PDB file of all heavy atoms in Angstrom:
ATOM      1  N   LEU A   1      17.513 170.040 -66.184  1.00  0.00           N
ATOM      2  CA  LEU A   1      16.809 169.249 -65.083  1.00  0.00           C
ATOM      3  C   LEU A   1      17.398 169.447 -63.660  1.00  0.00           C
ATOM      4  O   LEU A   1      16.842 169.115 -62.553  1.00  0.00           O
ATOM      5  CB  LEU A   1      16.639 167.854 -65.407  1.00  0.00           C
ATOM      6  CG  LEU A   1      15.603 167.497 -66.510  1.00  0.00           C
ATOM      7  CD1 LEU A   1      15.555 165.969 -66.920  1.00  0.00           C
ATOM      8  CD2 LEU A   1      14.153 167.967 -66.201  1.00  0.00           C
ATOM      9  N   ILE A   2      18.702 169.747 -63.740  1.00  0.00           N
ATOM     10  CA  ILE A   2      19.451 169.888 -62.451  1.00  0.00           C
ATOM     11  C   ILE A   2      19.083 171.150 -61.762  1.00  0.00           C
ATOM     12  O   ILE A   2      19.103 171.221 -60.509  1.00  0.00           O
ATOM     13  CB  ILE A   2      20.984 169.879 -62.756  1.00  0.00           C
ATOM     14  CG1 ILE A   2      21.426 168.536 -63.308  1.00  0.00           C
ATOM     15  CG2 ILE A   2      21.668 170.071 -61.463  1.00  0.00           C
ATOM     16  CD1 ILE A   2      22.918 168.454 -63.825  1.00  0.00           C
ATOM     17  N   GLY A   3      18.536 172.026 -62.492  1.00  0.00           N
ATOM     18  CA  GLY A   3      18.233 173.350 -61.738  1.00  0.00           C
ATOM     19  C   GLY A   3      16.805 173.740 -61.692  1.00  0.00           C
ATOM     20  O   GLY A   3      16.013 172.860 -61.323  1.00  0.00           O
ATOM     21  N   ARG A   4      16.462 175.001 -62.070  1.00  0.00           N
ATOM     22  CA  ARG A   4      15.090 175.481 -61.919  1.00  0.00           C
ATOM     23  C   ARG A   4      14.091 174.657 -62.671  1.00  0.00           C
ATOM     24  O   ARG A   4      12.887 174.308 -62.161  1.00  0.00           O
ATOM     25  CB  ARG A   4      15.126 176.875 -62.479  1.00  0.00           C
ATOM     26  CG  ARG A   4      13.658 177.638 -62.394  1.00  0.00           C
ATOM     27  CD  ARG A   4      13.686 179.055 -62.716  1.00  0.00           C
ATOM     28  NE  ARG A   4      12.360 179.639 -62.855  1.00  0.00           N
ATOM     29  CZ  ARG A   4      11.670 179.580 -63.980  1.00  0.00           C
ATOM     30  NH1 ARG A   4      12.262 178.989 -65.080  1.00  0.00           N
ATOM     31  NH2 ARG A   4      10.590 180.191 -64.042  1.00  0.00           N
ATOM     32  N   SER A   5      14.443 174.192 -63.850  1.00  0.00           N
ATOM     33  CA  SER A   5      13.477 173.436 -64.700  1.00  0.00           C
ATOM     34  C   SER A   5      13.138 172.066 -64.048  1.00  0.00           C
ATOM     35  O   SER A   5      11.975 171.708 -63.994  1.00  0.00           O
ATOM     36  CB  SER A   5      14.010 173.234 -66.057  1.00  0.00           C
ATOM     37  OG  SER A   5      14.258 174.317 -66.705  1.00  0.00           O
ATOM     38  N   GLY A   6      14.042 171.508 -63.552  1.00  0.00           N
ATOM     39  CA  GLY A   6      13.921 170.196 -62.733  1.00  0.00           C
ATOM     40  C   GLY A   6      12.895 170.486 -61.488  1.00  0.00           C
ATOM     41  O   GLY A   6      12.052 169.660 -61.248  1.00  0.00           O
ATOM     42  N   ALA A   7      13.138 171.623 -60.815  1.00  0.00           N
ATOM     43  CA  ALA A   7      12.262 171.889 -59.691  1.00  0.00           C
ATOM     44  C   ALA A   7      10.912 172.138 -60.030  1.00  0.00           C
ATOM     45  O   ALA A   7       9.920 171.610 -59.454  1.00  0.00           O
ATOM     46  CB  ALA A   7      12.737 173.065 -58.940  1.00  0.00           C
ATOM     47  N   LEU A   8      10.646 172.858 -61.169  1.00  0.00           N
ATOM     48  CA  LEU A   8       9.287 173.002 -61.725  1.00  0.00           C
ATOM     49  C   LEU A   8       8.685 171.723 -62.148  1.00  0.00           C
ATOM     50  O   LEU A   8       7.572 171.391 -61.918  1.00  0.00           O
ATOM     51  CB  LEU A   8       9.365 174.007 -63.038  1.00  0.00           C
ATOM     52  CG  LEU A   8       9.758 175.431 -62.795  1.00  0.00           C
ATOM     53  CD1 LEU A   8       9.968 176.190 -64.052  1.00  0.00           C
ATOM     54  CD2 LEU A   8       8.576 176.062 -61.869  1.00  0.00           C
ATOM     55  N   LEU A   9       9.464 170.801 -62.793  1.00  0.00           N
ATOM     56  CA  LEU A   9       8.948 169.542 -63.137  1.00  0.00           C
ATOM     57  C   LEU A   9       8.502 168.730 -61.969  1.00  0.00           C
ATOM     58  O   LEU A   9       7.357 168.162 -61.862  1.00  0.00           O
ATOM     59  CB  LEU A   9       9.957 168.706 -63.926  1.00  0.00           C
ATOM     60  CG  LEU A   9       9.523 167.329 -64.523  1.00  0.00           C
ATOM     61  CD1 LEU A   9      10.257 167.220 -65.877  1.00  0.00           C
ATOM     62  CD2 LEU A   9       9.805 166.214 -63.603  1.00  0.00           C
ATOM     63  N   VAL A  10       9.369 168.751 -60.907  1.00  0.00           N
ATOM     64  CA  VAL A  10       9.095 167.942 -59.559  1.00  0.00           C
ATOM     65  C   VAL A  10       7.788 168.568 -59.014  1.00  0.00           C
ATOM     66  O   VAL A  10       6.858 167.853 -58.549  1.00  0.00           O
ATOM     67  CB  VAL A  10      10.157 167.974 -58.653  1.00  0.00           C
ATOM     68  CG1 VAL A  10       9.761 167.350 -57.334  1.00  0.00           C
ATOM     69  CG2 VAL A  10      11.442 167.098 -59.285  1.00  0.00           C
ATOM     70  N   GLY A  11       7.759 169.893 -58.882  1.00  0.00           N
ATOM     71  CA  GLY A  11       6.634 170.539 -58.362  1.00  0.00           C
ATOM     72  C   GLY A  11       5.355 170.293 -59.018  1.00  0.00           C
ATOM     73  O   GLY A  11       4.261 169.978 -58.479  1.00  0.00           O
ATOM     74  N   GLY A  12       5.407 170.246 -60.454  1.00  0.00           N
ATOM     75  CA  GLY A  12       4.166 169.965 -61.174  1.00  0.00           C
ATOM     76  C   GLY A  12       3.672 168.428 -60.993  1.00  0.00           C
ATOM     77  O   GLY A  12       2.507 168.191 -60.779  1.00  0.00           O
ATOM     78  N   THR A  13       4.693 167.532 -60.827  1.00  0.00           N
ATOM     79  CA  THR A  13       4.431 166.233 -60.495  1.00  0.00           C
ATOM     80  C   THR A  13       3.706 166.059 -59.096  1.00  0.00           C
ATOM     81  O   THR A  13       2.664 165.203 -58.983  1.00  0.00           O
ATOM     82  CB  THR A  13       5.713 165.313 -60.569  1.00  0.00           C
ATOM     83  OG1 THR A  13       6.276 165.423 -61.877  1.00  0.00           O
ATOM     84  CG2 THR A  13       5.341 163.849 -60.375  1.00  0.00           C
ATOM     85  N   LEU A  14       4.141 166.751 -58.141  1.00  0.00           N
ATOM     86  CA  LEU A  14       3.591 166.645 -56.758  1.00  0.00           C
ATOM     87  C   LEU A  14       2.227 167.202 -56.805  1.00  0.00           C
ATOM     88  O   LEU A  14       1.345 166.678 -56.109  1.00  0.00           O
ATOM     89  CB  LEU A  14       4.418 167.391 -55.811  1.00  0.00           C
ATOM     90  CG  LEU A  14       5.859 166.691 -55.549  1.00  0.00           C
ATOM     91  CD1 LEU A  14       6.788 167.629 -54.636  1.00  0.00           C
ATOM     92  CD2 LEU A  14       5.685 165.302 -54.925  1.00  0.00           C
ATOM     93  N   VAL A  15       1.983 168.232 -57.646  1.00  0.00           N
ATOM     94  CA  VAL A  15       0.593 168.812 -57.628  1.00  0.00           C
ATOM     95  C   VAL A  15      -0.326 167.838 -58.452  1.00  0.00           C
ATOM     96  O   VAL A  15      -1.449 167.704 -57.796  1.00  0.00           O
ATOM     97  CB  VAL A  15       0.642 170.189 -58.369  1.00  0.00           C
ATOM     98  CG1 VAL A  15      -0.848 170.573 -58.660  1.00  0.00           C
ATOM     99  CG2 VAL A  15       1.405 171.240 -57.650  1.00  0.00           C
ATOM    100  N   GLY A  16       0.062 167.191 -59.444  1.00  0.00           N
ATOM    101  CA  GLY A  16      -0.728 166.280 -60.213  1.00  0.00           C
ATOM    102  C   GLY A  16      -1.035 165.050 -59.322  1.00  0.00           C
ATOM    103  O   GLY A  16      -2.188 164.482 -59.357  1.00  0.00           O
ATOM    104  N   ALA A  17      -0.095 164.550 -58.481  1.00  0.00           N
ATOM    105  CA  ALA A  17      -0.266 163.385 -57.776  1.00  0.00           C
ATOM    106  C   ALA A  17      -0.786 163.738 -56.394  1.00  0.00           C
ATOM    107  O   ALA A  17      -0.956 162.851 -55.498  1.00  0.00           O
ATOM    108  CB  ALA A  17       1.051 162.627 -57.654  1.00  0.00           C
ATOM    109  N   ALA A  18      -1.217 165.002 -56.063  1.00  0.00           N
ATOM    110  CA  ALA A  18      -1.588 165.356 -54.666  1.00  0.00           C
ATOM    111  C   ALA A  18      -2.654 164.578 -54.169  1.00  0.00           C
ATOM    112  O   ALA A  18      -2.697 164.170 -52.921  1.00  0.00           O
ATOM    113  CB  ALA A  18      -1.976 166.867 -54.814  1.00  0.00           C
ATOM    114  N   PRO A  19      -3.830 164.242 -54.998  1.00  0.00           N
ATOM    115  CA  PRO A  19      -4.858 163.455 -54.450  1.00  0.00           C
ATOM    116  C   PRO A  19      -4.343 162.085 -53.974  1.00  0.00           C
ATOM    117  O   PRO A  19      -4.804 161.540 -52.841  1.00  0.00           O
ATOM    118  CB  PRO A  19      -5.890 163.244 -55.561  1.00  0.00           C
ATOM    119  CG  PRO A  19      -5.503 164.424 -56.484  1.00  0.00           C
ATOM    120  CD  PRO A  19      -4.112 164.666 -56.395  1.00  0.00           C
ATOM    121  N   LEU A  20      -3.453 161.510 -54.703  1.00  0.00           N
ATOM    122  CA  LEU A  20      -2.940 160.124 -54.194  1.00  0.00           C
ATOM    123  C   LEU A  20      -2.126 160.316 -52.896  1.00  0.00           C
ATOM    124  O   LEU A  20      -2.222 159.586 -52.004  1.00  0.00           O
ATOM    125  CB  LEU A  20      -2.155 159.549 -55.341  1.00  0.00           C
ATOM    126  CG  LEU A  20      -1.397 158.127 -55.027  1.00  0.00           C
ATOM    127  CD1 LEU A  20      -1.188 157.346 -56.477  1.00  0.00           C
ATOM    128  CD2 LEU A  20       0.028 158.304 -54.434  1.00  0.00           C
ATOM    129  N   ILE A  21      -1.364 161.318 -52.922  1.00  0.00           N
ATOM    130  CA  ILE A  21      -0.380 161.599 -51.620  1.00  0.00           C
ATOM    131  C   ILE A  21      -1.358 161.868 -50.433  1.00  0.00           C
ATOM    132  O   ILE A  21      -1.112 161.230 -49.456  1.00  0.00           O
ATOM    133  CB  ILE A  21       0.509 162.672 -51.965  1.00  0.00           C
ATOM    134  CG1 ILE A  21       1.436 162.359 -53.023  1.00  0.00           C
ATOM    135  CG2 ILE A  21       1.283 163.086 -50.712  1.00  0.00           C
ATOM    136  CD1 ILE A  21       2.352 163.600 -53.603  1.00  0.00           C
ATOM    137  N   ALA A  22      -2.333 162.701 -50.672  1.00  0.00           N
ATOM    138  CA  ALA A  22      -3.242 163.017 -49.557  1.00  0.00           C
ATOM    139  C   ALA A  22      -3.997 161.781 -48.924  1.00  0.00           C
ATOM    140  O   ALA A  22      -4.082 161.489 -47.765  1.00  0.00           O
ATOM    141  CB  ALA A  22      -4.209 164.144 -49.914  1.00  0.00           C
ATOM    142  N   HIS A  23      -4.458 161.043 -49.927  1.00  0.00           N
ATOM    143  CA  HIS A  23      -5.263 159.783 -49.664  1.00  0.00           C
ATOM    144  C   HIS A  23      -4.375 158.813 -48.852  1.00  0.00           C
ATOM    145  O   HIS A  23      -4.789 158.282 -47.958  1.00  0.00           O
ATOM    146  CB  HIS A  23      -5.774 159.171 -50.790  1.00  0.00           C
ATOM    147  CG  HIS A  23      -6.592 157.963 -50.532  1.00  0.00           C
ATOM    148  ND1 HIS A  23      -8.002 157.968 -50.314  1.00  0.00           N
ATOM    149  CD2 HIS A  23      -6.238 156.661 -50.536  1.00  0.00           C
ATOM    150  CE1 HIS A  23      -8.395 156.676 -50.051  1.00  0.00           C
ATOM    151  NE2 HIS A  23      -7.331 155.809 -50.246  1.00  0.00           N
ATOM    152  N   SER A  24      -3.097 158.655 -49.346  1.00  0.00           N
ATOM    153  CA  SER A  24      -2.147 157.833 -48.683  1.00  0.00           C
ATOM    154  C   SER A  24      -1.874 158.142 -47.369  1.00  0.00           C
ATOM    155  O   SER A  24      -1.703 157.228 -46.362  1.00  0.00           O
ATOM    156  CB  SER A  24      -0.883 157.579 -49.609  1.00  0.00           C
ATOM    157  OG  SER A  24      -1.310 157.132 -50.913  1.00  0.00           O
ATOM    158  N   ILE A  25      -1.625 159.384 -47.155  1.00  0.00           N
ATOM    159  CA  ILE A  25      -1.344 159.873 -45.686  1.00  0.00           C
ATOM    160  C   ILE A  25      -2.514 159.797 -44.867  1.00  0.00           C
ATOM    161  O   ILE A  25      -2.386 159.290 -43.710  1.00  0.00           O
ATOM    162  CB  ILE A  25      -0.769 161.262 -45.810  1.00  0.00           C
ATOM    163  CG1 ILE A  25       0.563 161.436 -46.587  1.00  0.00           C
ATOM    164  CG2 ILE A  25      -0.684 161.866 -44.461  1.00  0.00           C
ATOM    165  CD1 ILE A  25       1.049 162.969 -46.877  1.00  0.00           C
ATOM    166  N   ALA A  26      -3.727 160.205 -45.366  1.00  0.00           N
ATOM    167  CA  ALA A  26      -4.853 160.116 -44.536  1.00  0.00           C
ATOM    168  C   ALA A  26      -5.307 158.742 -44.119  1.00  0.00           C
ATOM    169  O   ALA A  26      -5.791 158.578 -42.883  1.00  0.00           O
ATOM    170  CB  ALA A  26      -6.030 160.764 -45.262  1.00  0.00           C
ATOM    171  N   PHE A  27      -5.155 157.769 -44.893  1.00  0.00           N
ATOM    172  CA  PHE A  27      -5.509 156.465 -44.560  1.00  0.00           C
ATOM    173  C   PHE A  27      -4.365 155.469 -44.364  1.00  0.00           C
ATOM    174  O   PHE A  27      -4.576 154.225 -44.230  1.00  0.00           O
ATOM    175  CB  PHE A  27      -6.459 155.888 -45.715  1.00  0.00           C
ATOM    176  CG  PHE A  27      -7.798 156.631 -45.835  1.00  0.00           C
ATOM    177  CD1 PHE A  27      -7.896 157.674 -46.845  1.00  0.00           C
ATOM    178  CD2 PHE A  27      -8.836 156.253 -45.050  1.00  0.00           C
ATOM    179  CE1 PHE A  27      -9.017 158.412 -46.901  1.00  0.00           C
ATOM    180  CE2 PHE A  27     -10.026 157.064 -45.300  1.00  0.00           C
ATOM    181  CZ  PHE A  27     -10.100 158.122 -46.282  1.00  0.00           C
ATOM    182  N   ARG A  28      -3.149 156.085 -44.352  1.00  0.00           N
ATOM    183  CA  ARG A  28      -1.953 155.294 -44.106  1.00  0.00           C
ATOM    184  C   ARG A  28      -1.823 154.099 -44.984  1.00  0.00           C
ATOM    185  O   ARG A  28      -1.673 152.857 -44.514  1.00  0.00           O
ATOM    186  CB  ARG A  28      -2.021 154.842 -42.546  1.00  0.00           C
ATOM    187  CG  ARG A  28      -1.969 155.958 -41.578  1.00  0.00           C
ATOM    188  CD  ARG A  28      -1.969 155.465 -40.118  1.00  0.00           C
ATOM    189  NE  ARG A  28      -1.968 156.528 -39.200  1.00  0.00           N
ATOM    190  CZ  ARG A  28      -1.844 156.470 -37.940  1.00  0.00           C
ATOM    191  NH1 ARG A  28      -1.829 155.275 -37.252  1.00  0.00           N
ATOM    192  NH2 ARG A  28      -1.797 157.480 -37.111  1.00  0.00           N
ATOM    193  N   ILE A  29      -1.959 154.397 -46.272  1.00  0.00           N
ATOM    194  CA  ILE A  29      -1.806 153.268 -47.253  1.00  0.00           C
ATOM    195  C   ILE A  29      -0.570 153.527 -48.193  1.00  0.00           C
ATOM    196  O   ILE A  29      -0.205 154.691 -48.514  1.00  0.00           O
ATOM    197  CB  ILE A  29      -3.092 153.365 -48.210  1.00  0.00           C
ATOM    198  CG1 ILE A  29      -4.295 153.025 -47.434  1.00  0.00           C
ATOM    199  CG2 ILE A  29      -2.812 152.507 -49.436  1.00  0.00           C
ATOM    200  CD1 ILE A  29      -5.626 153.255 -48.224  1.00  0.00           C
ATOM    201  N   ASN A  30       0.232 152.578 -48.384  1.00  0.00           N
ATOM    202  CA  ASN A  30       1.385 152.554 -49.075  1.00  0.00           C
ATOM    203  C   ASN A  30       0.946 152.278 -50.573  1.00  0.00           C
ATOM    204  O   ASN A  30       0.561 151.206 -50.981  1.00  0.00           O
ATOM    205  CB  ASN A  30       2.426 151.488 -48.800  1.00  0.00           C
ATOM    206  CG  ASN A  30       3.722 151.671 -49.532  1.00  0.00           C
ATOM    207  OD1 ASN A  30       3.746 152.171 -50.624  1.00  0.00           O
ATOM    208  ND2 ASN A  30       4.638 151.031 -49.149  1.00  0.00           N
ATOM    209  N   PRO A  31       0.891 153.375 -51.573  1.00  0.00           N
ATOM    210  CA  PRO A  31       0.469 153.064 -52.972  1.00  0.00           C
ATOM    211  C   PRO A  31       1.362 152.132 -53.629  1.00  0.00           C
ATOM    212  O   PRO A  31       0.859 151.491 -54.617  1.00  0.00           O
ATOM    213  CB  PRO A  31       0.469 154.524 -53.605  1.00  0.00           C
ATOM    214  CG  PRO A  31       1.569 155.354 -52.654  1.00  0.00           C
ATOM    215  CD  PRO A  31       1.384 154.785 -51.329  1.00  0.00           C
ATOM    216  N   ILE A  32       2.608 152.017 -53.324  1.00  0.00           N
ATOM    217  CA  ILE A  32       3.464 151.094 -54.195  1.00  0.00           C
ATOM    218  C   ILE A  32       2.956 149.651 -53.705  1.00  0.00           C
ATOM    219  O   ILE A  32       2.847 148.735 -54.673  1.00  0.00           O
ATOM    220  CB  ILE A  32       4.902 151.162 -53.636  1.00  0.00           C
ATOM    221  CG1 ILE A  32       5.370 152.580 -54.161  1.00  0.00           C
ATOM    222  CG2 ILE A  32       5.798 150.080 -54.310  1.00  0.00           C
ATOM    223  CD1 ILE A  32       6.866 152.941 -53.836  1.00  0.00           C
ATOM    224  N   SER A  33       2.597 149.394 -52.455  1.00  0.00           N
ATOM    225  CA  SER A  33       2.043 148.192 -52.091  1.00  0.00           C
ATOM    226  C   SER A  33       0.721 147.889 -52.855  1.00  0.00           C
ATOM    227  O   SER A  33       0.503 146.559 -53.220  1.00  0.00           O
ATOM    228  CB  SER A  33       1.894 147.997 -50.497  1.00  0.00           C
ATOM    229  OG  SER A  33       3.024 148.149 -49.941  1.00  0.00           O
ATOM    230  N   VAL A  34      -0.131 148.817 -52.999  1.00  0.00           N
ATOM    231  CA  VAL A  34      -1.326 148.683 -53.705  1.00  0.00           C
ATOM    232  C   VAL A  34      -0.978 148.190 -55.187  1.00  0.00           C
ATOM    233  O   VAL A  34      -1.647 147.300 -55.631  1.00  0.00           O
ATOM    234  CB  VAL A  34      -2.203 149.967 -53.655  1.00  0.00           C
ATOM    235  CG1 VAL A  34      -3.432 149.783 -54.582  1.00  0.00           C
ATOM    236  CG2 VAL A  34      -2.744 150.214 -52.197  1.00  0.00           C
ATOM    237  N   LEU A  35      -0.027 148.881 -55.801  1.00  0.00           N
ATOM    238  CA  LEU A  35       0.203 148.560 -57.189  1.00  0.00           C
ATOM    239  C   LEU A  35       0.805 147.035 -57.186  1.00  0.00           C
ATOM    240  O   LEU A  35       0.395 146.412 -58.225  1.00  0.00           O
ATOM    241  CB  LEU A  35       1.255 149.566 -57.662  1.00  0.00           C
ATOM    242  CG  LEU A  35       1.704 149.453 -59.105  1.00  0.00           C
ATOM    243  CD1 LEU A  35       0.449 149.587 -60.085  1.00  0.00           C
ATOM    244  CD2 LEU A  35       2.726 150.477 -59.388  1.00  0.00           C
ATOM    245  N   LEU A  36       1.658 146.803 -56.355  1.00  0.00           N
ATOM    246  CA  LEU A  36       2.288 145.400 -56.373  1.00  0.00           C
ATOM    247  C   LEU A  36       1.097 144.347 -56.145  1.00  0.00           C
ATOM    248  O   LEU A  36       1.218 143.400 -56.856  1.00  0.00           O
ATOM    249  CB  LEU A  36       3.274 145.280 -55.286  1.00  0.00           C
ATOM    250  CG  LEU A  36       4.628 146.187 -55.581  1.00  0.00           C
ATOM    251  CD1 LEU A  36       5.593 145.984 -54.361  1.00  0.00           C
ATOM    252  CD2 LEU A  36       5.239 145.816 -56.901  1.00  0.00           C
ATOM    253  N   ASN A  37       0.205 144.548 -55.303  1.00  0.00           N
ATOM    254  CA  ASN A  37      -0.866 143.691 -55.139  1.00  0.00           C
ATOM    255  C   ASN A  37      -1.696 143.401 -56.292  1.00  0.00           C
ATOM    256  O   ASN A  37      -2.261 142.322 -56.611  1.00  0.00           O
ATOM    257  CB  ASN A  37      -1.670 144.062 -53.883  1.00  0.00           C
ATOM    258  CG  ASN A  37      -1.074 143.977 -52.532  1.00  0.00           C
ATOM    259  OD1 ASN A  37      -0.113 143.147 -52.403  1.00  0.00           O
ATOM    260  ND2 ASN A  37      -1.454 144.748 -51.555  1.00  0.00           N
ATOM    261  N   LEU A  38      -1.923 144.633 -57.097  1.00  0.00           N
ATOM    262  CA  LEU A  38      -2.744 144.510 -58.270  1.00  0.00           C
ATOM    263  C   LEU A  38      -1.889 143.629 -59.321  1.00  0.00           C
ATOM    264  O   LEU A  38      -2.645 142.985 -60.153  1.00  0.00           O
ATOM    265  CB  LEU A  38      -3.044 145.889 -58.816  1.00  0.00           C
ATOM    266  CG  LEU A  38      -4.028 146.710 -57.941  1.00  0.00           C
ATOM    267  CD1 LEU A  38      -4.104 148.120 -58.528  1.00  0.00           C
ATOM    268  CD2 LEU A  38      -5.428 146.147 -57.998  1.00  0.00           C
ATOM    269  N   SER A  39      -0.719 143.812 -59.334  1.00  0.00           N
ATOM    270  CA  SER A  39      -0.044 143.093 -60.440  1.00  0.00           C
ATOM    271  C   SER A  39       0.172 141.539 -60.034  1.00  0.00           C
ATOM    272  O   SER A  39       0.657 140.813 -60.899  1.00  0.00           O
ATOM    273  CB  SER A  39       1.430 143.736 -60.661  1.00  0.00           C
ATOM    274  OG  SER A  39       2.261 143.543 -59.374  1.00  0.00           O
ATOM    275  N   ARG A  40      -0.139 141.020 -58.997  1.00  0.00           N
ATOM    276  CA  ARG A  40      -0.021 139.682 -58.735  1.00  0.00           C
ATOM    277  C   ARG A  40      -0.962 138.909 -59.364  1.00  0.00           C
ATOM    278  O   ARG A  40      -2.256 139.321 -59.300  1.00  0.00           O
ATOM    279  CB  ARG A  40      -0.066 139.482 -57.158  1.00  0.00           C
ATOM    280  CG  ARG A  40       1.199 139.965 -56.377  1.00  0.00           C
ATOM    281  CD  ARG A  40       1.018 139.995 -54.954  1.00  0.00           C
ATOM    282  NE  ARG A  40       2.278 140.521 -54.229  1.00  0.00           N
ATOM    283  CZ  ARG A  40       2.217 140.764 -52.940  1.00  0.00           C
ATOM    284  NH1 ARG A  40       1.104 140.388 -52.201  1.00  0.00           N
ATOM    285  NH2 ARG A  40       3.224 141.437 -52.319  1.00  0.00           N
TER     286      ARG A  40
END
């Protein structure tokens, strides 16, 4: 995980979470805050 395999894992994670990332940037929303609000 320290080398190439870790980079591939991180890259795959970013691709999978891309819709969330793009939405958060476009609408200036903090997804962590959304999650915390739901848990209250």
